[in-house]
Amino acid sequence: MPRPPAAVKGVYQRDDDPSGAWYARIRVNGRLVKKSFGNDRAAAIDYVDKARAVRRTGDGVLPRNARQMPKSTQEIVASSDVSVVLARRTL
């Protein structure tokens, strides 16, 4: 029998959920933000790790709801550069 995966704080499976979905939960401004990742446990772990890194370094933005992803300052700058270039091409 294979060993069960090691527990990661903020990543869990619900016992009453027959689908076996993995969830990530972080606290932002005193409120819990919970995001479902289906059967992809690695994606849930990456989400929590990235949110912790942004919080620890202060370099980026944490999501206020589950629809958004945590973004580092480099990702924010990169996405804003693309939108400026596209806006100039359409003019």
C-alpha atoms as a PDB file:
ATOM      1  CA  MET A   1       0.000   0.000   0.000  1.00  0.00           C
ATOM      2  CA  PRO A   2       1.465   3.407  -0.971  1.00  0.00           C
ATOM      3  CA  ARG A   3       2.241   5.956   1.670  1.00  0.00           C
ATOM      4  CA  PRO A   4      -0.339   8.779   1.914  1.00  0.00           C
ATOM      5  CA  PRO A   5       0.899  12.215   0.808  1.00  0.00           C
ATOM      6  CA  ALA A   6       2.445  14.435   3.458  1.00  0.00           C
ATOM      7  CA  ALA A   7       0.155  17.058   4.901  1.00  0.00           C
ATOM      8  CA  VAL A   8       0.638  20.631   3.660  1.00  0.00           C
ATOM      9  CA  LYS A   9      -0.836  23.430   5.738  1.00  0.00           C
ATOM     10  CA  GLY A  10      -3.646  25.071   3.781  1.00  0.00           C
ATOM     11  CA  VAL A  11      -4.171  22.145   1.348  1.00  0.00           C
ATOM     12  CA  TYR A  12      -6.828  19.566   2.142  1.00  0.00           C
ATOM     13  CA  GLN A  13      -9.483  17.168   0.886  1.00  0.00           C
ATOM     14  CA  ARG A  14     -12.980  17.150   2.304  1.00  0.00           C
ATOM     15  CA  ASP A  15     -14.052  13.845   3.841  1.00  0.00           C
ATOM     16  CA  ASP A  16     -17.667  14.208   2.714  1.00  0.00           C
ATOM     17  CA  ASP A  17     -16.743  15.018  -0.916  1.00  0.00           C
ATOM     18  CA  PRO A  18     -16.959  11.870  -3.085  1.00  0.00           C
ATOM     19  CA  SER A  19     -15.185  13.570  -6.010  1.00  0.00           C
ATOM     20  CA  GLY A  20     -11.856  13.704  -4.142  1.00  0.00           C
ATOM     21  CA  ALA A  21     -11.254  17.361  -4.990  1.00  0.00           C
ATOM     22  CA  TRP A  22      -8.311  19.205  -3.439  1.00  0.00           C
ATOM     23  CA  TYR A  23      -8.778  22.641  -1.875  1.00  0.00           C
ATOM     24  CA  ALA A  24      -6.368  25.424  -0.988  1.00  0.00           C
ATOM     25  CA  ARG A  25      -7.200  27.848   1.797  1.00  0.00           C
ATOM     26  CA  ILE A  26      -5.344  31.057   2.665  1.00  0.00           C
ATOM     27  CA  ARG A  27      -6.182  33.985   4.914  1.00  0.00           C
ATOM     28  CA  VAL A  28      -6.267  37.466   3.342  1.00  0.00           C
ATOM     29  CA  ASN A  29      -7.066  40.518   5.484  1.00  0.00           C
ATOM     30  CA  GLY A  30      -8.602  38.306   8.160  1.00  0.00           C
ATOM     31  CA  ARG A  31     -10.876  36.449   5.731  1.00  0.00           C
ATOM     32  CA  LEU A  32     -10.463  32.934   4.373  1.00  0.00           C
ATOM     33  CA  VAL A  33     -10.093  32.491   0.628  1.00  0.00           C
ATOM     34  CA  LYS A  34     -10.797  28.917  -0.482  1.00  0.00           C
ATOM     35  CA  LYS A  35     -10.118  27.660  -4.002  1.00  0.00           C
ATOM     36  CA  SER A  36     -10.916  24.252  -5.499  1.00  0.00           C
ATOM     37  CA  PHE A  37      -8.419  22.515  -7.807  1.00  0.00           C
ATOM     38  CA  GLY A  38     -10.233  19.291  -8.693  1.00  0.00           C
ATOM     39  CA  ASN A  39      -7.905  16.287  -8.575  1.00  0.00           C
ATOM     40  CA  ASP A  40      -4.730  18.381  -9.012  1.00  0.00           C
ATOM     41  CA  ARG A  41      -3.059  18.392  -5.583  1.00  0.00           C
ATOM     42  CA  ALA A  42       0.165  19.863  -6.973  1.00  0.00           C
ATOM     43  CA  ALA A  43      -1.693  22.949  -8.265  1.00  0.00           C
ATOM     44  CA  ALA A  44      -3.217  23.501  -4.824  1.00  0.00           C
ATOM     45  CA  ILE A  45       0.226  23.262  -3.205  1.00  0.00           C
ATOM     46  CA  ASP A  46       1.692  25.701  -5.765  1.00  0.00           C
ATOM     47  CA  TYR A  47      -1.138  28.174  -5.070  1.00  0.00           C
ATOM     48  CA  VAL A  48      -0.526  28.104  -1.304  1.00  0.00           C
ATOM     49  CA  ASP A  49       3.267  28.301  -1.710  1.00  0.00           C
ATOM     50  CA  LYS A  50       3.015  31.292  -4.034  1.00  0.00           C
ATOM     51  CA  ALA A  51       0.600  33.084  -1.702  1.00  0.00           C
ATOM     52  CA  ARG A  52       2.969  32.492   1.218  1.00  0.00           C
ATOM     53  CA  ALA A  53       5.930  33.803  -0.775  1.00  0.00           C
ATOM     54  CA  VAL A  54       4.030  36.973  -1.750  1.00  0.00           C
ATOM     55  CA  ARG A  55       2.980  37.529   1.866  1.00  0.00           C
ATOM     56  CA  ARG A  56       6.476  36.849   3.232  1.00  0.00           C
ATOM     57  CA  THR A  57       8.344  39.110   0.784  1.00  0.00           C
ATOM     58  CA  GLY A  58       5.653  41.761   0.340  1.00  0.00           C
ATOM     59  CA  ASP A  59       6.466  41.655  -3.367  1.00  0.00           C
ATOM     60  CA  GLY A  60       3.140  41.246  -5.121  1.00  0.00           C
ATOM     61  CA  VAL A  61      -0.602  41.098  -4.591  1.00  0.00           C
ATOM     62  CA  LEU A  62      -2.704  38.492  -2.783  1.00  0.00           C
ATOM     63  CA  PRO A  63      -6.146  37.678  -4.202  1.00  0.00           C
ATOM     64  CA  ARG A  64      -9.222  38.996  -2.446  1.00  0.00           C
ATOM     65  CA  ASN A  65     -11.356  36.159  -3.790  1.00  0.00           C
ATOM     66  CA  ALA A  66     -10.874  32.677  -5.236  1.00  0.00           C
ATOM     67  CA  ARG A  67     -11.212  33.784  -8.871  1.00  0.00           C
ATOM     68  CA  GLN A  68      -7.885  35.591  -8.791  1.00  0.00           C
ATOM     69  CA  MET A  69      -4.388  34.170  -8.398  1.00  0.00           C
ATOM     70  CA  PRO A  70      -1.564  35.562  -6.265  1.00  0.00           C
ATOM     71  CA  LYS A  71       0.733  37.638  -8.479  1.00  0.00           C
ATOM     72  CA  SER A  72       4.281  38.780  -7.957  1.00  0.00           C
ATOM     73  CA  THR A  73       5.348  42.270  -8.965  1.00  0.00           C
ATOM     74  CA  GLN A  74       7.173  40.861 -12.001  1.00  0.00           C
ATOM     75  CA  GLU A  75       3.989  39.171 -13.232  1.00  0.00           C
ATOM     76  CA  ILE A  76       1.973  42.360 -12.733  1.00  0.00           C
ATOM     77  CA  VAL A  77       4.495  44.426 -14.701  1.00  0.00           C
ATOM     78  CA  ALA A  78       4.686  41.807 -17.456  1.00  0.00           C
ATOM     79  CA  SER A  79       0.907  41.655 -17.838  1.00  0.00           C
ATOM     80  CA  SER A  80       0.583  45.453 -17.871  1.00  0.00           C
ATOM     81  CA  ASP A  81       3.288  45.760 -20.571  1.00  0.00           C
ATOM     82  CA  VAL A  82       1.405  43.363 -22.816  1.00  0.00           C
ATOM     83  CA  SER A  83      -1.851  45.274 -22.457  1.00  0.00           C
ATOM     84  CA  VAL A  84      -0.119  48.578 -23.302  1.00  0.00           C
ATOM     85  CA  VAL A  85       1.451  47.100 -26.423  1.00  0.00           C
ATOM     86  CA  LEU A  86      -1.855  45.626 -27.544  1.00  0.00           C
ATOM     87  CA  ALA A  87      -3.661  48.907 -26.895  1.00  0.00           C
ATOM     88  CA  ARG A  88      -1.153  50.793 -29.056  1.00  0.00           C
ATOM     89  CA  ARG A  89      -1.476  48.304 -31.917  1.00  0.00           C
ATOM     90  CA  THR A  90      -5.248  48.678 -32.017  1.00  0.00           C
ATOM     91  CA  LEU A  91      -5.152  52.482 -32.214  1.00  0.00           C
END
